[in-house]
Amino acid sequence: MAKGKLHGGWAEAYELLPRYAEMIKQTNPGSHALITWGASSGDVNPKFRACFFSFAAQVRGFLRGCRPIIGIDGAHLSGFYKGILLTAVGIDGNNEIFVLAYGIVDTESCDSWTYFMRCLRQMFEQEGCNRDDWTFISDRMKGVELAVRETFPRATRRVCCQHLYMNCKNNGFSGSIHLKIHNYAMRLRHWLSLRLES
């Protein structure tokens, strides 16, 4: 209770989101911050549906220094209010992860991924980047393939080998063949990285 009085409660924190988005845009010109609200049937007050954030330095850094490969992923939030954290990352010149954008949605669905991918596309267009030949790498999550196809029709979509490996392992597919496939994929990745460096 004392903590709530000092720092505010969860509901109050969500009420501050529009102000936070405006502060991001004011203090970081060119940044993208969008909050989406919606009312359920019978509700008078709108409820949080989704948000999308990307700072100007992230977008410009990605467009100027990263390969045209975007990794997208979602993670379930386990706090007081549930939701899904969606992320888009690139790979920089040092083969390090470069955060491009992130957002929170209420559920993992085709609509949520389409919202996130549309925000990503609008962000690129506002930066004057109209390329459409991105490669998206992800797990086999609900709605990702359709969302990518709808918002980036010429993009290539690939499944992350590490996610595929873990999904197989967690579902009882293990043994020498499983390990060989993973090792072949890692060797191919290493070989391709050597080709990209030369």
C-alpha atoms as a PDB file:
ATOM      1  CA  MET A   1       0.000   0.000   0.000  1.00  0.00           C
ATOM      2  CA  ALA A   2       2.838   2.393   0.833  1.00  0.00           C
ATOM      3  CA  LYS A   3       4.480   1.587  -2.487  1.00  0.00           C
ATOM      4  CA  GLY A   4       1.254   2.414  -4.305  1.00  0.00           C
ATOM      5  CA  LYS A   5       1.041   5.801  -2.592  1.00  0.00           C
ATOM      6  CA  LEU A   6       4.663   6.623  -3.442  1.00  0.00           C
ATOM      7  CA  HIS A   7       4.799   5.371  -7.019  1.00  0.00           C
ATOM      8  CA  GLY A   8       1.130   5.187  -8.017  1.00  0.00           C
ATOM      9  CA  GLY A   9      -0.818   2.130  -9.059  1.00  0.00           C
ATOM     10  CA  TRP A  10      -0.967   0.136 -12.274  1.00  0.00           C
ATOM     11  CA  ALA A  11      -4.085   1.908 -13.566  1.00  0.00           C
ATOM     12  CA  GLU A  12      -2.522   5.334 -13.044  1.00  0.00           C
ATOM     13  CA  ALA A  13       0.581   4.211 -14.939  1.00  0.00           C
ATOM     14  CA  TYR A  14      -1.521   3.303 -17.991  1.00  0.00           C
ATOM     15  CA  GLU A  15      -3.242   6.694 -17.801  1.00  0.00           C
ATOM     16  CA  LEU A  16       0.194   8.324 -18.193  1.00  0.00           C
ATOM     17  CA  LEU A  17       0.976   6.520 -21.468  1.00  0.00           C
ATOM     18  CA  PRO A  18      -0.380   9.262 -23.793  1.00  0.00           C
ATOM     19  CA  ARG A  19       1.737  11.836 -21.959  1.00  0.00           C
ATOM     20  CA  TYR A  20       4.773   9.552 -22.199  1.00  0.00           C
ATOM     21  CA  ALA A  21       4.231   9.170 -25.964  1.00  0.00           C
ATOM     22  CA  GLU A  22       3.996  12.940 -26.419  1.00  0.00           C
ATOM     23  CA  MET A  23       7.160  13.488 -24.355  1.00  0.00           C
ATOM     24  CA  ILE A  24       9.036  10.999 -26.547  1.00  0.00           C
ATOM     25  CA  LYS A  25       7.978  12.870 -29.696  1.00  0.00           C
ATOM     26  CA  GLN A  26       8.805  16.287 -28.200  1.00  0.00           C
ATOM     27  CA  THR A  27      12.207  15.404 -26.776  1.00  0.00           C
ATOM     28  CA  ASN A  28      13.276  13.058 -29.602  1.00  0.00           C
ATOM     29  CA  PRO A  29      12.119  14.644 -32.880  1.00  0.00           C
ATOM     30  CA  GLY A  30      11.452  12.027 -35.541  1.00  0.00           C
ATOM     31  CA  SER A  31      10.621   9.344 -32.987  1.00  0.00           C
ATOM     32  CA  HIS A  32       7.485   7.251 -33.306  1.00  0.00           C
ATOM     33  CA  ALA A  33       5.149   6.765 -30.350  1.00  0.00           C
ATOM     34  CA  LEU A  34       1.590   5.597 -30.791  1.00  0.00           C
ATOM     35  CA  ILE A  35      -0.945   4.531 -28.165  1.00  0.00           C
ATOM     36  CA  THR A  36      -4.184   2.820 -29.208  1.00  0.00           C
ATOM     37  CA  TRP A  37      -7.260   2.723 -26.988  1.00  0.00           C
ATOM     38  CA  GLY A  38     -10.557   0.942 -27.515  1.00  0.00           C
ATOM     39  CA  ALA A  39     -13.780   0.388 -25.629  1.00  0.00           C
ATOM     40  CA  SER A  40     -15.256  -3.057 -25.104  1.00  0.00           C
ATOM     41  CA  SER A  41     -19.006  -3.443 -25.391  1.00  0.00           C
ATOM     42  CA  GLY A  42     -20.685  -1.911 -22.364  1.00  0.00           C
ATOM     43  CA  ASP A  43     -17.551  -0.092 -21.136  1.00  0.00           C
ATOM     44  CA  VAL A  44     -17.692   3.673 -20.765  1.00  0.00           C
ATOM     45  CA  ASN A  45     -13.941   4.205 -20.395  1.00  0.00           C
ATOM     46  CA  PRO A  46     -11.604   3.195 -23.219  1.00  0.00           C
ATOM     47  CA  LYS A  47      -9.091   0.474 -22.407  1.00  0.00           C
ATOM     48  CA  PHE A  48      -5.478   0.122 -23.507  1.00  0.00           C
ATOM     49  CA  ARG A  49      -5.157  -1.961 -26.687  1.00  0.00           C
ATOM     50  CA  ALA A  50      -1.650  -1.406 -28.026  1.00  0.00           C
ATOM     51  CA  CYS A  51       1.377   0.846 -28.203  1.00  0.00           C
ATOM     52  CA  PHE A  52       4.332   1.207 -30.567  1.00  0.00           C
ATOM     53  CA  PHE A  53       7.640   2.961 -29.888  1.00  0.00           C
ATOM     54  CA  SER A  54      10.766   3.601 -31.922  1.00  0.00           C
ATOM     55  CA  PHE A  55      13.277   6.346 -31.285  1.00  0.00           C
ATOM     56  CA  ALA A  56      14.635   8.400 -34.200  1.00  0.00           C
ATOM     57  CA  ALA A  57      18.214   7.272 -33.556  1.00  0.00           C
ATOM     58  CA  GLN A  58      17.115   3.627 -33.702  1.00  0.00           C
ATOM     59  CA  VAL A  59      15.379   4.003 -37.064  1.00  0.00           C
ATOM     60  CA  ARG A  60      18.108   6.078 -38.679  1.00  0.00           C
ATOM     61  CA  GLY A  61      20.844   3.863 -37.270  1.00  0.00           C
ATOM     62  CA  PHE A  62      19.077   0.786 -38.590  1.00  0.00           C
ATOM     63  CA  LEU A  63      18.565   2.244 -42.069  1.00  0.00           C
ATOM     64  CA  ARG A  64      22.169   3.476 -42.311  1.00  0.00           C
ATOM     65  CA  GLY A  65      24.085   0.653 -40.678  1.00  0.00           C
ATOM     66  CA  CYS A  66      22.161  -2.617 -40.624  1.00  0.00           C
ATOM     67  CA  ARG A  67      21.406  -5.353 -43.101  1.00  0.00           C
ATOM     68  CA  PRO A  68      17.866  -5.523 -44.553  1.00  0.00           C
ATOM     69  CA  ILE A  69      17.017  -8.316 -42.121  1.00  0.00           C
ATOM     70  CA  ILE A  70      14.487  -7.778 -39.332  1.00  0.00           C
ATOM     71  CA  GLY A  71      13.945 -10.237 -36.516  1.00  0.00           C
ATOM     72  CA  ILE A  72      10.493 -10.052 -34.947  1.00  0.00           C
ATOM     73  CA  ASP A  73       9.435 -11.758 -31.755  1.00  0.00           C
ATOM     74  CA  GLY A  74       6.801 -11.659 -29.056  1.00  0.00           C
ATOM     75  CA  ALA A  75       7.039 -12.378 -25.335  1.00  0.00           C
ATOM     76  CA  HIS A  76       4.222 -12.760 -22.819  1.00  0.00           C
ATOM     77  CA  LEU A  77       4.212 -10.182 -20.018  1.00  0.00           C
ATOM     78  CA  SER A  78       3.694 -11.555 -16.538  1.00  0.00           C
ATOM     79  CA  GLY A  79       2.992  -8.409 -14.525  1.00  0.00           C
ATOM     80  CA  PHE A  80      -0.287  -7.277 -13.003  1.00  0.00           C
ATOM     81  CA  TYR A  81      -1.675  -6.532 -16.477  1.00  0.00           C
ATOM     82  CA  LYS A  82      -0.979  -9.199 -19.046  1.00  0.00           C
ATOM     83  CA  GLY A  83      -0.081  -8.540 -22.646  1.00  0.00           C
ATOM     84  CA  ILE A  84       2.468  -9.329 -25.315  1.00  0.00           C
ATOM     85  CA  LEU A  85       5.719  -7.422 -25.856  1.00  0.00           C
ATOM     86  CA  LEU A  86       6.484  -7.307 -29.597  1.00  0.00           C
ATOM     87  CA  THR A  87       9.967  -6.411 -30.816  1.00  0.00           C
ATOM     88  CA  ALA A  88      11.709  -5.738 -34.112  1.00  0.00           C
ATOM     89  CA  VAL A  89      15.506  -5.968 -34.192  1.00  0.00           C
ATOM     90  CA  GLY A  90      18.224  -5.810 -36.810  1.00  0.00           C
ATOM     91  CA  ILE A  91      21.813  -6.983 -37.044  1.00  0.00           C
ATOM     92  CA  ASP A  92      24.471  -4.269 -37.163  1.00  0.00           C
ATOM     93  CA  GLY A  93      27.894  -4.348 -38.815  1.00  0.00           C
ATOM     94  CA  ASN A  94      29.400  -6.120 -35.787  1.00  0.00           C
ATOM     95  CA  ASN A  95      26.770  -8.903 -35.895  1.00  0.00           C
ATOM     96  CA  GLU A  96      25.176  -7.484 -32.742  1.00  0.00           C
ATOM     97  CA  ILE A  97      21.458  -7.088 -32.089  1.00  0.00           C
ATOM     98  CA  PHE A  98      20.216  -3.593 -32.897  1.00  0.00           C
ATOM     99  CA  VAL A  99      16.803  -2.703 -31.428  1.00  0.00           C
ATOM    100  CA  LEU A 100      14.573  -1.095 -34.032  1.00  0.00           C
ATOM    101  CA  ALA A 101      11.120  -0.885 -32.429  1.00  0.00           C
ATOM    102  CA  TYR A 102       8.968  -2.372 -29.705  1.00  0.00           C
ATOM    103  CA  GLY A 103       5.352  -2.386 -28.705  1.00  0.00           C
ATOM    104  CA  ILE A 104       2.835  -3.931 -26.364  1.00  0.00           C
ATOM    105  CA  VAL A 105      -0.445  -5.460 -27.503  1.00  0.00           C
ATOM    106  CA  ASP A 106      -3.284  -6.972 -25.503  1.00  0.00           C
ATOM    107  CA  THR A 107      -3.256 -10.385 -27.251  1.00  0.00           C
ATOM    108  CA  GLU A 108      -1.073 -12.288 -29.698  1.00  0.00           C
ATOM    109  CA  SER A 109      -3.171 -12.464 -32.838  1.00  0.00           C
ATOM    110  CA  CYS A 110      -3.086 -11.682 -36.525  1.00  0.00           C
ATOM    111  CA  ASP A 111      -4.644  -8.263 -35.783  1.00  0.00           C
ATOM    112  CA  SER A 112      -1.947  -7.454 -33.214  1.00  0.00           C
ATOM    113  CA  TRP A 113       0.887  -8.415 -35.556  1.00  0.00           C
ATOM    114  CA  THR A 114      -0.745  -6.483 -38.407  1.00  0.00           C
ATOM    115  CA  TYR A 115      -0.946  -3.397 -36.151  1.00  0.00           C
ATOM    116  CA  PHE A 116       2.752  -3.737 -35.272  1.00  0.00           C
ATOM    117  CA  MET A 117       3.847  -4.348 -38.876  1.00  0.00           C
ATOM    118  CA  ARG A 118       1.773  -1.400 -40.167  1.00  0.00           C
ATOM    119  CA  CYS A 119       3.414   0.853 -37.591  1.00  0.00           C
ATOM    120  CA  LEU A 120       6.810  -0.451 -38.739  1.00  0.00           C
ATOM    121  CA  ARG A 121       5.969   0.235 -42.387  1.00  0.00           C
ATOM    122  CA  GLN A 122       4.678   3.769 -41.624  1.00  0.00           C
ATOM    123  CA  MET A 123       7.848   4.422 -39.645  1.00  0.00           C
ATOM    124  CA  PHE A 124      10.015   3.451 -42.644  1.00  0.00           C
ATOM    125  CA  GLU A 125       7.900   5.529 -45.035  1.00  0.00           C
ATOM    126  CA  GLN A 126       8.166   8.603 -42.795  1.00  0.00           C
ATOM    127  CA  GLU A 127      11.953   8.200 -42.941  1.00  0.00           C
ATOM    128  CA  GLY A 128      11.774   8.149 -46.755  1.00  0.00           C
ATOM    129  CA  CYS A 129      12.542   4.434 -47.010  1.00  0.00           C
ATOM    130  CA  ASN A 130      10.148   2.769 -49.428  1.00  0.00           C
ATOM    131  CA  ARG A 131      12.024  -0.482 -49.924  1.00  0.00           C
ATOM    132  CA  ASP A 132       9.874  -3.560 -49.729  1.00  0.00           C
ATOM    133  CA  ASP A 133      12.403  -6.376 -50.003  1.00  0.00           C
ATOM    134  CA  TRP A 134      13.093  -6.963 -46.314  1.00  0.00           C
ATOM    135  CA  THR A 135      13.735 -10.382 -44.844  1.00  0.00           C
ATOM    136  CA  PHE A 136      11.761 -11.085 -41.665  1.00  0.00           C
ATOM    137  CA  ILE A 137      12.943 -13.813 -39.301  1.00  0.00           C
ATOM    138  CA  SER A 138      10.639 -15.064 -36.568  1.00  0.00           C
ATOM    139  CA  ASP A 139       9.259 -18.000 -34.690  1.00  0.00           C
ATOM    140  CA  ARG A 140       6.077 -19.561 -36.059  1.00  0.00           C
ATOM    141  CA  MET A 141       3.823 -17.259 -34.020  1.00  0.00           C
ATOM    142  CA  LYS A 142       0.112 -16.707 -34.542  1.00  0.00           C
ATOM    143  CA  GLY A 143      -0.610 -14.294 -37.373  1.00  0.00           C
ATOM    144  CA  VAL A 144       2.969 -13.272 -38.214  1.00  0.00           C
ATOM    145  CA  GLU A 145       3.068 -14.717 -41.724  1.00  0.00           C
ATOM    146  CA  LEU A 146      -0.213 -13.096 -42.770  1.00  0.00           C
ATOM    147  CA  ALA A 147       0.743  -9.743 -41.193  1.00  0.00           C
ATOM    148  CA  VAL A 148       4.111  -9.687 -42.987  1.00  0.00           C
ATOM    149  CA  ARG A 149       2.519 -10.682 -46.300  1.00  0.00           C
ATOM    150  CA  GLU A 150      -0.138  -7.974 -45.950  1.00  0.00           C
ATOM    151  CA  THR A 151       2.136  -5.075 -44.958  1.00  0.00           C
ATOM    152  CA  PHE A 152       5.362  -6.001 -46.792  1.00  0.00           C
ATOM    153  CA  PRO A 153       4.144  -8.022 -49.815  1.00  0.00           C
ATOM    154  CA  ARG A 154       7.594  -8.398 -51.417  1.00  0.00           C
ATOM    155  CA  ALA A 155       9.366  -9.334 -48.184  1.00  0.00           C
ATOM    156  CA  THR A 156      10.868 -12.739 -47.553  1.00  0.00           C
ATOM    157  CA  ARG A 157       9.934 -14.561 -44.369  1.00  0.00           C
ATOM    158  CA  ARG A 158      12.179 -17.092 -42.650  1.00  0.00           C
ATOM    159  CA  VAL A 159      11.793 -19.174 -39.501  1.00  0.00           C
ATOM    160  CA  CYS A 160      14.457 -18.723 -36.817  1.00  0.00           C
ATOM    161  CA  CYS A 161      16.572 -21.882 -36.560  1.00  0.00           C
ATOM    162  CA  GLN A 162      17.081 -21.488 -32.799  1.00  0.00           C
ATOM    163  CA  HIS A 163      13.320 -21.248 -32.198  1.00  0.00           C
ATOM    164  CA  LEU A 164      12.728 -24.224 -34.476  1.00  0.00           C
ATOM    165  CA  TYR A 165      15.355 -26.232 -32.594  1.00  0.00           C
ATOM    166  CA  MET A 166      13.850 -25.387 -29.179  1.00  0.00           C
ATOM    167  CA  ASN A 167      10.289 -26.082 -30.358  1.00  0.00           C
ATOM    168  CA  CYS A 168      11.335 -29.512 -31.632  1.00  0.00           C
ATOM    169  CA  LYS A 169      13.268 -30.252 -28.452  1.00  0.00           C
ATOM    170  CA  ASN A 170      10.377 -29.165 -26.206  1.00  0.00           C
ATOM    171  CA  ASN A 171       7.933 -31.328 -28.165  1.00  0.00           C
ATOM    172  CA  GLY A 172       9.933 -34.525 -27.820  1.00  0.00           C
ATOM    173  CA  PHE A 173      11.828 -34.481 -31.120  1.00  0.00           C
ATOM    174  CA  SER A 174      15.384 -35.082 -30.036  1.00  0.00           C
ATOM    175  CA  GLY A 175      18.216 -37.412 -30.790  1.00  0.00           C
ATOM    176  CA  SER A 176      21.048 -37.491 -33.275  1.00  0.00           C
ATOM    177  CA  ILE A 177      19.059 -36.422 -36.363  1.00  0.00           C
ATOM    178  CA  HIS A 178      17.662 -33.413 -34.533  1.00  0.00           C
ATOM    179  CA  LEU A 179      21.155 -32.390 -33.393  1.00  0.00           C
ATOM    180  CA  LYS A 180      22.625 -32.899 -36.885  1.00  0.00           C
ATOM    181  CA  ILE A 181      20.025 -30.616 -38.466  1.00  0.00           C
ATOM    182  CA  HIS A 182      20.769 -27.915 -35.904  1.00  0.00           C
ATOM    183  CA  ASN A 183      24.534 -28.267 -36.447  1.00  0.00           C
ATOM    184  CA  TYR A 184      24.129 -28.053 -40.243  1.00  0.00           C
ATOM    185  CA  ALA A 185      22.106 -24.868 -39.849  1.00  0.00           C
ATOM    186  CA  MET A 186      24.773 -23.355 -37.577  1.00  0.00           C
ATOM    187  CA  ARG A 187      27.531 -24.259 -40.056  1.00  0.00           C
ATOM    188  CA  LEU A 188      25.548 -22.677 -42.882  1.00  0.00           C
ATOM    189  CA  ARG A 189      25.068 -19.537 -40.784  1.00  0.00           C
ATOM    190  CA  HIS A 190      28.819 -19.370 -40.107  1.00  0.00           C
ATOM    191  CA  TRP A 191      29.618 -19.920 -43.799  1.00  0.00           C
ATOM    192  CA  LEU A 192      27.167 -17.206 -44.857  1.00  0.00           C
ATOM    193  CA  SER A 193      28.597 -14.754 -42.310  1.00  0.00           C
ATOM    194  CA  LEU A 194      32.076 -15.317 -43.765  1.00  0.00           C
ATOM    195  CA  ARG A 195      30.720 -14.588 -47.247  1.00  0.00           C
ATOM    196  CA  LEU A 196      29.068 -11.375 -46.017  1.00  0.00           C
ATOM    197  CA  GLU A 197      32.306 -10.162 -44.427  1.00  0.00           C
ATOM    198  CA  SER A 198      34.379 -10.603 -47.587  1.00  0.00           C
END
